Amino acid sequence: MTDTATMAGLDPATLADVLRLAGSTGFDRLQDQIRRTGGCSDPIHLQGATVTRDKATGHVLHHYSTDTEPGGRLRLACGNRRASRCPACAWTYAGDTYHLIRAGLVGDPAKGTPETIRDHPRVFATLTAPSFGPVHNRHDNRPCRCGIRHGEDAPELGTPLDPETYDYAGAVLWNNHASELWRYFTIYLRREIARRAGLTQKEAHEQSRVSFGKVAEYQKRGAVHFHAVIRFDGPDGPDSPPPAWATLDLLTDAIHAAADPERLTVDIKPARDQPARSLTWGKQLDVRPIRAFGKGEEITEQAVASYLAKYATKAAETTGTVDRRIGNKEALALLGVPDHPARLIAACLDLHALYPDRKLRDWAHMLGFRGHFSTKSRQYSTTLGALRQVRADYRAAQQRAALGLPDPDDTEATTLTLAHWTYAGHGHTPGESWLAANIRRDIAQNRDLARQEAADQVDASSEGVW
C-alpha cells in the first residue's frame, strides 16, 4: 500500500473506507486491478466469465470468473481522453496520438508508413478564428490595450476588454461551424494546389495526394483553432514520392490561398434577433516547414508530434468551463464558472432554439464546438484503433504465455474460448479513488524517473562528441 503518511489529510468518510479496504481479504487483488488500469479515475466494472476448451476433447484448459474478484467485478480503464476526467487514460491517449502523428512524419513500417515520407514536403499549419471583440493579451514589447502588462498566468488573459460589446453569439456559432470550415478548407486546398501546378483537379489527384493529421485547441478567449500536419504524397499515397512540381513553397502558398477569409466562408441565415453571418478563418495563419532536425528557427518532427499529443487530451475546460454537459444557466452559478466562459455557455443555451439543428445546448459546455478533437486523412498514417489493438494483442499474448495456452493464430491450435460479459457499473468508492490517485502518482513518478535516466545516458554517451 502507498505511504500511510498521505492519509493524514483525508476526510473521515474516505479514511474509513481506506481502512476497510486495507483490512479486506481481496485488498491485494484490488490493488492489482487498479494498477492494471494505470490508476484510472472512473473504471468500467464488468461481471462475467471466460472458458477456454480443447476443441477435440472438450477439456477445460482455463476458466476465469469475476466471482473470485473483489466485489465480484473486473475493473477496466475508462479510456477517456480528457486529462480533467481521467489523467491516467488521457496519458495513454496522448501517447497514442503522439505515435500516430510521428508515424506520419518520420515513417514507421510497422504502422504502415514508409520511412521515405521524411523526404516529402511537410508543414505545420495553425488556422485560427477571427476576432469577436478586443481581449486582454500579453505582448513582448508593450502593455495590453488596457494599459497593464499581464503576467503569463493572469486570469484576465483572453477575456474581453468590454464584455457588453463582445460578440458572444458569433463566437459560439463560429466554434459550432469550425469543423465545416476545416472540411471546406481541405476542398479548397486541393483546388489551389491544382491551379498552382497548372493542372486540372483530376490530373493533380492522379499525380499526388495531400494527407493531414490535426488536433483542435482552445485559445484563452474560448475560440477553437486547429493545428495540422499537412503533407504532400505521390499518386499511391505515402508509398510513392510526390511529383517534382509538389514543392514546399507550392504547398505553403496553396494553404494561404485556401484559408483566405475573403474567399472561404460558411454562411448562416438570419434567425429572429440574429443577423445573417459569414463565418471565416481568422487573419492569423501560421505555416511552418517541418524539418527532421531544426536549427533553432525551424520546427522539428519531435516538437510537432509532442505538441499535438499534448493538446489532444485538453478541451474547453482549459478556459475555465466544466467538462460535462450543462442543462441550464442556473448551473453556471452553482458550478462557479468564470464570467467569460459562462457568457459563452449562456449564448449557446439562448441560441439553441434559433438553430435547433446545431445542437448548441448539447455542446454548450464545449462553447459550441461539436467536432472531433483529433482527426486525420485516411492515408496519413496508422489509426488509434490499430494502436489500441496492438496493445490489446500484446497483453493477451502475455496472458496466454503465463497460462500456458496456445496462440489462437496457430494453425495447429485446437482451442475454443467462450466469454460472457455484462456491464456492472463504473467508478470508485472514496477509498478506492484515493488508492487509484496514489497508484497513478507512483506510476507517473516511475515514468519520469525512467525518462530522466534515459536522458542522462544519452548525455553521458555524447561526452566528448562535440
Protein backbone atom coordinates (compact mmCIF):
# COMPACT_ATOMS: atom_id res chain seq x y z
CA MET A 1 0.00 0.00 0.00
CA THR A 2 1.16 3.61 -0.57
CA ASP A 3 2.71 5.73 2.19
CA THR A 4 0.29 5.93 5.10
CA ALA A 5 1.58 9.43 5.88
CA THR A 6 -0.51 10.70 2.98
CA MET A 7 -3.64 9.54 4.79
CA ALA A 8 -3.35 12.29 7.39
CA GLY A 9 -5.39 14.84 5.43
CA LEU A 10 -8.22 12.51 4.43
CA ASP A 11 -11.80 13.28 5.38
CA PRO A 12 -13.37 10.81 7.86
CA ALA A 13 -15.50 9.01 5.26
CA THR A 14 -12.57 8.43 2.89
CA LEU A 15 -10.28 7.39 5.73
CA ALA A 16 -12.84 4.87 6.99
CA ASP A 17 -13.19 3.40 3.50
CA VAL A 18 -9.40 3.17 3.06
CA LEU A 19 -9.13 1.27 6.35
CA ARG A 20 -11.99 -1.02 5.30
CA LEU A 21 -10.23 -1.82 2.04
CA ALA A 22 -6.87 -2.38 3.75
CA GLY A 23 -8.47 -4.94 6.06
CA SER A 24 -10.38 -6.81 3.35
CA THR A 25 -9.25 -10.20 2.10
CA GLY A 26 -9.21 -9.06 -1.53
CA PHE A 27 -7.13 -5.94 -1.00
CA ASP A 28 -4.03 -7.16 -2.86
CA ARG A 29 -6.10 -8.18 -5.88
CA LEU A 30 -7.95 -4.84 -5.80
CA GLN A 31 -4.62 -3.02 -5.86
CA ASP A 32 -3.54 -5.17 -8.78
CA GLN A 33 -6.72 -4.39 -10.72
CA ILE A 34 -6.36 -0.66 -10.15
CA ARG A 35 -2.67 -0.79 -11.12
CA ARG A 36 -3.52 -2.62 -14.34
CA THR A 37 -5.84 0.27 -15.27
CA GLY A 38 -3.00 2.71 -14.65
CA GLY A 39 -4.89 4.28 -11.76
CA CYS A 40 -7.95 5.08 -13.89
CA SER A 41 -10.24 7.61 -12.20
CA ASP A 42 -13.51 6.09 -13.40
CA PRO A 43 -13.04 2.41 -14.31
CA ILE A 44 -15.70 0.33 -16.03
CA HIS A 45 -16.97 -2.64 -13.98
CA LEU A 46 -17.74 -5.93 -15.71
CA GLN A 47 -19.18 -9.21 -14.48
CA GLY A 48 -18.85 -12.47 -16.35
CA ALA A 49 -16.65 -15.42 -17.17
CA THR A 50 -14.47 -16.97 -19.88
CA VAL A 51 -13.81 -20.64 -20.59
CA THR A 52 -11.05 -21.96 -22.87
CA ARG A 53 -11.50 -25.56 -24.02
CA ASP A 54 -9.68 -28.02 -26.20
CA LYS A 55 -11.85 -28.40 -29.30
CA ALA A 56 -11.08 -32.06 -29.76
CA THR A 57 -11.57 -33.32 -26.22
CA GLY A 58 -13.72 -30.61 -24.66
CA HIS A 59 -11.24 -30.45 -21.77
CA VAL A 60 -11.24 -27.11 -19.93
CA LEU A 61 -7.78 -25.54 -20.31
CA HIS A 62 -8.59 -22.36 -18.43
CA HIS A 63 -11.55 -20.85 -16.60
CA TYR A 64 -11.95 -17.34 -15.25
CA SER A 65 -14.90 -15.80 -13.41
CA THR A 66 -15.36 -12.45 -11.72
CA ASP A 67 -16.95 -14.33 -8.81
CA THR A 68 -13.46 -14.59 -7.33
CA GLU A 69 -12.68 -10.88 -7.79
CA PRO A 70 -13.12 -8.21 -5.08
CA GLY A 71 -16.77 -7.24 -5.12
CA GLY A 72 -17.36 -9.81 -7.87
CA ARG A 73 -16.22 -7.35 -10.55
CA LEU A 74 -13.41 -6.81 -13.01
CA ARG A 75 -12.27 -3.21 -13.47
CA LEU A 76 -11.18 -1.90 -16.87
CA ALA A 77 -9.79 1.53 -17.77
CA CYS A 78 -12.44 4.01 -18.92
CA GLY A 79 -10.40 5.20 -21.93
CA ASN A 80 -11.49 8.84 -21.58
CA ARG A 81 -9.16 11.20 -23.48
CA ARG A 82 -9.75 14.22 -21.21
CA ALA A 83 -7.00 14.89 -18.69
CA SER A 84 -9.56 16.65 -16.50
CA ARG A 85 -11.65 13.47 -16.27
CA CYS A 86 -9.01 10.74 -16.13
CA PRO A 87 -5.30 11.66 -16.15
CA ALA A 88 -4.25 8.01 -16.50
CA CYS A 89 -6.30 7.26 -19.62
CA ALA A 90 -5.52 10.71 -21.06
CA TRP A 91 -1.80 9.89 -20.81
CA THR A 92 -2.39 6.72 -22.83
CA TYR A 93 -4.46 8.66 -25.39
CA ALA A 94 -1.74 11.30 -25.69
CA GLY A 95 0.84 8.57 -26.25
CA ASP A 96 -1.26 7.01 -29.00
CA THR A 97 -1.75 10.42 -30.64
CA TYR A 98 1.99 11.05 -30.45
CA HIS A 99 2.79 7.78 -32.22
CA LEU A 100 0.06 8.38 -34.81
CA ILE A 101 1.37 11.87 -35.67
CA ARG A 102 5.01 10.78 -35.51
CA ALA A 103 4.38 7.83 -37.83
CA GLY A 104 3.11 10.32 -40.41
CA LEU A 105 6.25 12.42 -40.04
CA VAL A 106 9.19 10.03 -39.81
CA GLY A 107 7.57 6.84 -41.08
CA ASP A 108 7.10 3.54 -39.33
CA PRO A 109 6.84 0.40 -41.49
CA ALA A 110 5.23 -1.48 -38.59
CA LYS A 111 2.44 1.10 -38.62
CA GLY A 112 2.04 1.11 -42.41
CA THR A 113 4.02 4.24 -43.33
CA PRO A 114 7.44 4.02 -45.06
CA GLU A 115 10.42 5.96 -43.76
CA THR A 116 10.73 7.68 -47.15
CA ILE A 117 7.90 10.07 -46.19
CA ARG A 118 10.54 12.02 -44.30
CA ASP A 119 11.59 13.36 -47.70
CA HIS A 120 8.08 14.55 -48.60
CA PRO A 121 7.19 18.26 -48.28
CA ARG A 122 5.53 18.77 -44.88
CA VAL A 123 4.29 21.81 -43.00
CA PHE A 124 2.83 22.57 -39.58
CA ALA A 125 -0.17 24.87 -40.06
CA THR A 126 -2.24 26.72 -37.47
CA LEU A 127 -5.65 28.07 -38.51
CA THR A 128 -7.40 30.39 -36.09
CA ALA A 129 -10.77 32.04 -35.50
CA PRO A 130 -11.46 35.69 -36.39
CA SER A 131 -11.88 38.41 -33.77
CA PHE A 132 -15.18 38.74 -31.92
CA GLY A 133 -14.03 41.77 -29.97
CA PRO A 134 -10.79 43.01 -28.32
CA VAL A 135 -9.48 40.88 -25.44
CA HIS A 136 -6.71 41.17 -22.87
CA ASN A 137 -3.39 39.99 -24.33
CA ARG A 138 0.28 39.69 -23.49
CA HIS A 139 2.85 41.49 -25.64
CA ASP A 140 6.63 41.29 -25.55
CA ASN A 141 7.35 44.98 -26.02
CA ARG A 142 4.21 46.81 -24.96
CA PRO A 143 1.38 46.58 -22.45
CA CYS A 144 -2.11 45.28 -23.20
CA ARG A 145 -4.70 47.68 -24.60
CA CYS A 146 -5.95 48.10 -21.05
CA GLY A 147 -2.58 49.64 -20.15
CA ILE A 148 -1.37 46.77 -17.95
CA ARG A 149 1.42 44.28 -18.63
CA HIS A 150 -0.26 40.99 -17.77
CA GLY A 151 1.64 38.07 -16.28
CA GLU A 152 1.76 34.73 -18.05
CA ASP A 153 -0.97 33.25 -15.84
CA ALA A 154 -3.07 36.40 -15.38
CA PRO A 155 -6.77 35.48 -15.17
CA GLU A 156 -7.68 38.44 -17.40
CA LEU A 157 -5.91 36.97 -20.43
CA GLY A 158 -8.36 36.11 -23.19
CA THR A 159 -11.31 37.87 -21.57
CA PRO A 160 -12.98 40.79 -23.40
CA LEU A 161 -11.99 44.37 -22.69
CA ASP A 162 -15.72 45.17 -22.86
CA PRO A 163 -17.95 42.10 -22.30
CA GLU A 164 -21.06 44.10 -23.19
CA THR A 165 -19.91 44.63 -26.80
CA TYR A 166 -18.21 41.27 -27.32
CA ASP A 167 -19.90 39.10 -29.97
CA TYR A 168 -20.64 36.04 -27.85
CA ALA A 169 -23.21 34.72 -30.32
CA GLY A 170 -20.72 34.94 -33.18
CA ALA A 171 -18.03 33.24 -31.10
CA VAL A 172 -20.09 30.15 -30.25
CA LEU A 173 -21.56 29.91 -33.76
CA TRP A 174 -18.04 30.01 -35.17
CA ASN A 175 -16.95 27.19 -32.82
CA ASN A 176 -20.05 25.26 -33.84
CA HIS A 177 -19.19 25.52 -37.55
CA ALA A 178 -15.39 25.20 -37.21
CA SER A 179 -15.35 21.60 -38.42
CA GLU A 180 -17.25 22.60 -41.55
CA LEU A 181 -14.75 25.39 -42.19
CA TRP A 182 -11.98 22.81 -41.96
CA ARG A 183 -13.79 20.50 -44.40
CA TYR A 184 -14.18 23.34 -46.91
CA PHE A 185 -10.53 24.27 -46.37
CA THR A 186 -9.38 20.79 -47.40
CA ILE A 187 -11.53 21.02 -50.55
CA TYR A 188 -10.21 24.48 -51.43
CA LEU A 189 -6.64 23.36 -50.69
CA ARG A 190 -6.75 20.66 -53.38
CA ARG A 191 -8.20 23.17 -55.84
CA GLU A 192 -5.43 25.68 -55.10
CA ILE A 193 -2.75 23.01 -55.46
CA ALA A 194 -4.08 22.04 -58.91
CA ARG A 195 -4.32 25.68 -60.01
CA ARG A 196 -0.74 26.44 -58.96
CA ALA A 197 0.53 23.30 -60.67
CA GLY A 198 -1.26 24.29 -63.90
CA LEU A 199 -3.34 21.09 -63.80
CA THR A 200 -6.96 20.13 -63.58
CA GLN A 201 -8.09 18.75 -60.22
CA LYS A 202 -8.35 15.29 -61.76
CA GLU A 203 -4.80 15.48 -63.12
CA ALA A 204 -3.45 16.76 -59.82
CA HIS A 205 -5.22 13.95 -57.98
CA GLU A 206 -3.76 11.36 -60.34
CA GLN A 207 -0.25 12.65 -59.66
CA SER A 208 -0.34 13.47 -55.95
CA ARG A 209 -2.17 13.16 -52.66
CA VAL A 210 -2.47 15.53 -49.70
CA SER A 211 -2.52 13.95 -46.23
CA PHE A 212 -3.05 15.59 -42.87
CA GLY A 213 -3.34 14.95 -39.14
CA LYS A 214 -4.79 17.64 -36.91
CA VAL A 215 -5.94 18.47 -33.38
CA ALA A 216 -8.22 21.21 -32.06
CA GLU A 217 -7.15 23.53 -29.24
CA TYR A 218 -9.00 26.21 -27.32
CA GLN A 219 -7.49 29.66 -27.08
CA LYS A 220 -7.88 31.50 -23.80
CA ARG A 221 -10.71 33.55 -25.31
CA GLY A 222 -12.68 30.31 -25.83
CA ALA A 223 -12.30 30.10 -29.61
CA VAL A 224 -11.18 26.86 -31.23
CA HIS A 225 -8.20 26.78 -33.54
CA PHE A 226 -6.61 23.89 -35.43
CA HIS A 227 -3.03 22.66 -35.56
CA ALA A 228 -2.32 20.39 -38.50
CA VAL A 229 0.49 18.48 -40.17
CA ILE A 230 -0.11 18.71 -43.91
CA ARG A 231 2.00 16.53 -46.21
CA PHE A 232 2.45 16.02 -49.97
CA ASP A 233 2.45 12.40 -51.13
CA GLY A 234 2.69 10.69 -54.50
CA PRO A 235 -0.16 9.13 -56.50
CA ASP A 236 -0.06 5.98 -54.34
CA GLY A 237 -0.08 7.91 -51.10
CA PRO A 238 2.83 7.66 -48.65
CA ASP A 239 4.34 4.71 -50.55
CA SER A 240 5.26 6.89 -53.55
CA PRO A 241 7.23 10.13 -53.86
CA PRO A 242 5.39 13.33 -54.79
CA PRO A 243 5.90 14.72 -58.30
CA ALA A 244 8.56 17.36 -58.94
CA TRP A 245 6.02 20.20 -59.00
CA ALA A 246 4.73 19.31 -55.48
CA THR A 247 7.12 21.58 -53.62
CA LEU A 248 7.10 23.00 -50.12
CA ASP A 249 6.58 26.53 -51.47
CA LEU A 250 3.62 25.46 -53.59
CA LEU A 251 2.01 23.72 -50.59
CA THR A 252 2.55 26.76 -48.38
CA ASP A 253 1.09 29.17 -50.94
CA ALA A 254 -1.91 26.89 -51.53
CA ILE A 255 -2.65 26.74 -47.79
CA HIS A 256 -2.61 30.53 -47.52
CA ALA A 257 -4.94 30.84 -50.50
CA ALA A 258 -7.34 28.10 -49.31
CA ALA A 259 -7.71 29.71 -45.88
CA ASP A 260 -8.20 33.23 -47.25
CA PRO A 261 -11.07 34.74 -45.19
CA GLU A 262 -12.12 36.79 -48.21
CA ARG A 263 -12.97 33.62 -50.16
CA LEU A 264 -13.75 30.73 -47.80
CA THR A 265 -16.98 31.33 -45.85
CA VAL A 266 -19.78 29.39 -44.20
CA ASP A 267 -22.98 31.41 -44.42
CA ILE A 268 -25.65 31.38 -41.69
CA LYS A 269 -29.15 32.65 -42.38
CA PRO A 270 -30.69 35.27 -40.06
CA ALA A 271 -32.86 33.99 -37.19
CA ARG A 272 -35.10 36.27 -35.14
CA ASP A 273 -32.71 38.78 -33.47
CA GLN A 274 -29.59 37.23 -35.02
CA PRO A 275 -28.23 38.70 -38.28
CA ALA A 276 -27.01 36.72 -41.26
CA ARG A 277 -23.36 35.78 -40.79
CA SER A 278 -20.46 34.77 -42.99
CA LEU A 279 -18.07 32.73 -40.86
CA THR A 280 -14.42 32.75 -41.97
CA TRP A 281 -10.97 31.85 -40.73
CA GLY A 282 -9.05 34.47 -38.81
CA LYS A 283 -6.27 36.51 -40.37
CA GLN A 284 -3.67 34.86 -38.11
CA LEU A 285 -2.47 31.91 -40.19
CA ASP A 286 0.86 30.30 -39.40
CA VAL A 287 2.51 27.83 -41.80
CA ARG A 288 5.97 26.47 -40.99
CA PRO A 289 8.08 23.82 -42.74
CA ILE A 290 8.85 20.73 -40.68
CA ARG A 291 12.45 19.58 -40.60
CA ALA A 292 13.96 16.35 -39.37
CA PHE A 293 16.41 18.34 -37.27
CA GLY A 294 15.82 22.00 -36.55
CA LYS A 295 18.33 24.83 -36.47
CA GLY A 296 16.57 26.87 -33.81
CA GLU A 297 14.20 28.75 -36.09
CA GLU A 298 12.60 25.65 -37.63
CA ILE A 299 10.03 23.34 -36.09
CA THR A 300 11.08 19.70 -35.77
CA GLU A 301 9.25 16.40 -36.11
CA GLN A 302 9.66 15.67 -32.41
CA ALA A 303 8.27 19.06 -31.41
CA VAL A 304 5.24 18.74 -33.70
CA ALA A 305 4.29 15.24 -32.51
CA SER A 306 4.71 16.20 -28.85
CA TYR A 307 2.74 19.42 -29.28
CA LEU A 308 -0.23 17.78 -30.97
CA ALA A 309 -0.28 14.92 -28.47
CA LYS A 310 -0.30 17.39 -25.59
CA TYR A 311 -3.42 19.20 -26.79
CA ALA A 312 -5.27 16.05 -27.83
CA THR A 313 -6.21 15.50 -24.16
CA LYS A 314 -7.45 19.02 -23.46
CA ALA A 315 -10.78 20.65 -24.23
CA ALA A 316 -12.87 23.68 -23.25
CA GLU A 317 -12.13 23.21 -19.55
CA THR A 318 -8.81 24.99 -20.21
CA THR A 319 -10.86 28.22 -20.48
CA GLY A 320 -12.46 27.76 -17.05
CA THR A 321 -15.63 25.95 -18.06
CA VAL A 322 -16.62 22.44 -16.96
CA ASP A 323 -16.03 19.13 -18.73
CA ARG A 324 -19.61 17.85 -18.68
CA ARG A 325 -22.94 19.00 -20.06
CA ILE A 326 -24.79 21.95 -18.57
CA GLY A 327 -28.55 21.99 -18.93
CA ASN A 328 -29.43 25.50 -17.76
CA LYS A 329 -27.98 28.87 -16.79
CA GLU A 330 -28.65 28.33 -13.08
CA ALA A 331 -25.99 25.62 -13.05
CA LEU A 332 -23.33 28.14 -14.11
CA ALA A 333 -23.51 29.95 -10.77
CA LEU A 334 -23.63 26.71 -8.80
CA LEU A 335 -20.56 25.38 -10.61
CA GLY A 336 -18.63 28.64 -10.22
CA VAL A 337 -17.90 29.07 -13.94
CA PRO A 338 -15.97 32.34 -14.56
CA ASP A 339 -17.80 35.20 -16.26
CA HIS A 340 -16.38 34.90 -19.79
CA PRO A 341 -16.94 31.15 -20.37
CA ALA A 342 -20.27 31.49 -18.52
CA ARG A 343 -21.40 34.09 -21.08
CA LEU A 344 -20.31 31.82 -23.92
CA ILE A 345 -22.28 28.92 -22.45
CA ALA A 346 -25.31 31.16 -21.89
CA ALA A 347 -25.09 32.23 -25.54
CA CYS A 348 -25.21 28.56 -26.60
CA LEU A 349 -28.30 27.98 -24.47
CA ASP A 350 -30.01 31.10 -25.84
CA LEU A 351 -29.22 30.24 -29.47
CA HIS A 352 -30.35 26.63 -29.26
CA ALA A 353 -33.98 27.48 -30.04
CA LEU A 354 -32.93 29.58 -33.06
CA TYR A 355 -30.66 26.90 -34.56
CA PRO A 356 -32.04 23.58 -33.22
CA ASP A 357 -30.20 21.51 -35.83
CA ARG A 358 -26.86 22.77 -34.47
CA LYS A 359 -27.42 21.15 -31.03
CA LEU A 360 -25.92 24.14 -29.24
CA ARG A 361 -27.48 23.19 -25.90
CA ASP A 362 -25.88 19.75 -26.02
CA TRP A 363 -22.48 21.29 -26.70
CA ALA A 364 -22.75 24.37 -24.50
CA HIS A 365 -20.04 23.05 -22.15
CA MET A 366 -17.77 22.88 -25.21
CA LEU A 367 -18.60 26.51 -26.03
CA GLY A 368 -20.46 25.31 -29.13
CA PHE A 369 -17.73 23.14 -30.65
CA ARG A 370 -19.07 19.73 -31.66
CA GLY A 371 -16.26 18.26 -33.76
CA HIS A 372 -13.63 15.63 -33.05
CA PHE A 373 -10.51 16.87 -31.30
CA SER A 374 -8.12 14.79 -33.36
CA THR A 375 -8.69 13.71 -36.95
CA LYS A 376 -6.57 12.59 -39.88
CA SER A 377 -6.91 11.79 -43.53
CA ARG A 378 -7.10 8.12 -44.45
CA GLN A 379 -3.52 7.74 -45.70
CA TYR A 380 -1.72 9.99 -43.23
CA SER A 381 -0.58 7.10 -41.02
CA THR A 382 -1.99 4.41 -38.75
CA THR A 383 -5.19 4.74 -36.70
CA LEU A 384 -5.86 5.00 -32.98
CA GLY A 385 -7.88 1.79 -33.24
CA ALA A 386 -4.92 -0.06 -34.74
CA LEU A 387 -2.60 1.19 -31.98
CA ARG A 388 -5.06 0.07 -29.30
CA GLN A 389 -5.41 -3.33 -30.96
CA VAL A 390 -1.64 -3.82 -30.91
CA ARG A 391 -1.61 -3.06 -27.19
CA ALA A 392 -4.54 -5.41 -26.54
CA ASP A 393 -2.92 -8.21 -28.57
CA TYR A 394 0.34 -7.80 -26.66
CA ARG A 395 -1.40 -8.07 -23.29
CA ALA A 396 -3.42 -11.06 -24.48
CA ALA A 397 -0.22 -12.79 -25.62
CA GLN A 398 1.34 -12.14 -22.21
CA GLN A 399 -1.69 -13.66 -20.51
CA ARG A 400 -1.67 -16.74 -22.76
CA ALA A 401 2.04 -17.26 -22.12
CA ALA A 402 1.52 -17.02 -18.36
CA LEU A 403 -1.29 -19.59 -18.52
CA GLY A 404 0.48 -21.87 -20.98
CA LEU A 405 -2.27 -21.53 -23.60
CA PRO A 406 -1.55 -21.85 -27.35
CA ASP A 407 -1.63 -18.91 -29.73
CA PRO A 408 -5.11 -18.76 -31.35
CA ASP A 409 -3.45 -17.81 -34.67
CA ASP A 410 -1.50 -21.08 -34.66
CA THR A 411 -2.97 -23.27 -37.38
CA GLU A 412 -2.41 -26.32 -35.20
CA ALA A 413 -4.17 -24.83 -32.21
CA THR A 414 -7.41 -26.56 -31.28
CA THR A 415 -8.71 -24.28 -28.56
CA LEU A 416 -12.06 -22.53 -28.29
CA THR A 417 -12.73 -19.61 -25.95
CA LEU A 418 -16.25 -18.70 -24.88
CA ALA A 419 -16.90 -15.48 -22.98
CA HIS A 420 -19.89 -13.73 -21.47
CA TRP A 421 -19.67 -10.21 -20.01
CA THR A 422 -22.23 -7.77 -18.62
CA TYR A 423 -21.86 -4.15 -17.58
CA ALA A 424 -21.98 -3.79 -13.79
CA GLY A 425 -21.30 -0.11 -13.19
CA HIS A 426 -18.35 2.26 -13.07
CA GLY A 427 -16.29 4.40 -10.71
CA HIS A 428 -14.66 4.04 -7.32
CA THR A 429 -15.64 4.19 -3.68
CA PRO A 430 -13.95 7.09 -1.81
CA GLY A 431 -11.19 4.81 -0.56
CA GLU A 432 -10.63 3.29 -3.99
CA SER A 433 -10.38 6.79 -5.50
CA TRP A 434 -7.65 7.67 -3.00
CA LEU A 435 -5.84 4.41 -3.75
CA ALA A 436 -6.10 4.96 -7.53
CA ALA A 437 -4.74 8.51 -7.20
CA ASN A 438 -1.70 7.26 -5.29
CA ILE A 439 -1.07 4.43 -7.76
CA ARG A 440 -1.38 6.91 -10.63
CA ARG A 441 1.12 9.23 -8.92
CA ASP A 442 3.59 6.38 -8.34
CA ILE A 443 3.34 5.28 -11.97
CA ALA A 444 3.94 8.87 -13.15
CA GLN A 445 6.96 9.24 -10.85
CA ASN A 446 8.47 5.98 -12.09
CA ARG A 447 7.84 7.07 -15.67
CA ASP A 448 9.56 10.42 -15.08
CA LEU A 449 12.49 8.70 -13.37
CA ALA A 450 12.94 6.29 -16.29
CA ARG A 451 12.78 9.20 -18.74
CA GLN A 452 15.42 11.13 -16.79
CA GLU A 453 17.70 8.10 -16.57
CA ALA A 454 17.42 7.63 -20.35
CA ALA A 455 18.26 11.31 -20.90
CA ASP A 456 21.26 11.03 -18.57
CA GLN A 457 22.53 8.03 -20.53
CA VAL A 458 22.25 9.98 -23.79
CA ASP A 459 24.14 12.91 -22.25
CA ALA A 460 26.84 10.57 -20.93
CA SER A 461 27.26 8.85 -24.31
CA SER A 462 27.62 12.26 -26.01
CA GLU A 463 30.50 13.45 -23.82
CA GLY A 464 33.46 14.33 -25.98
CA VAL A 465 31.50 14.09 -29.24
CA TRP A 466 31.07 17.82 -29.62
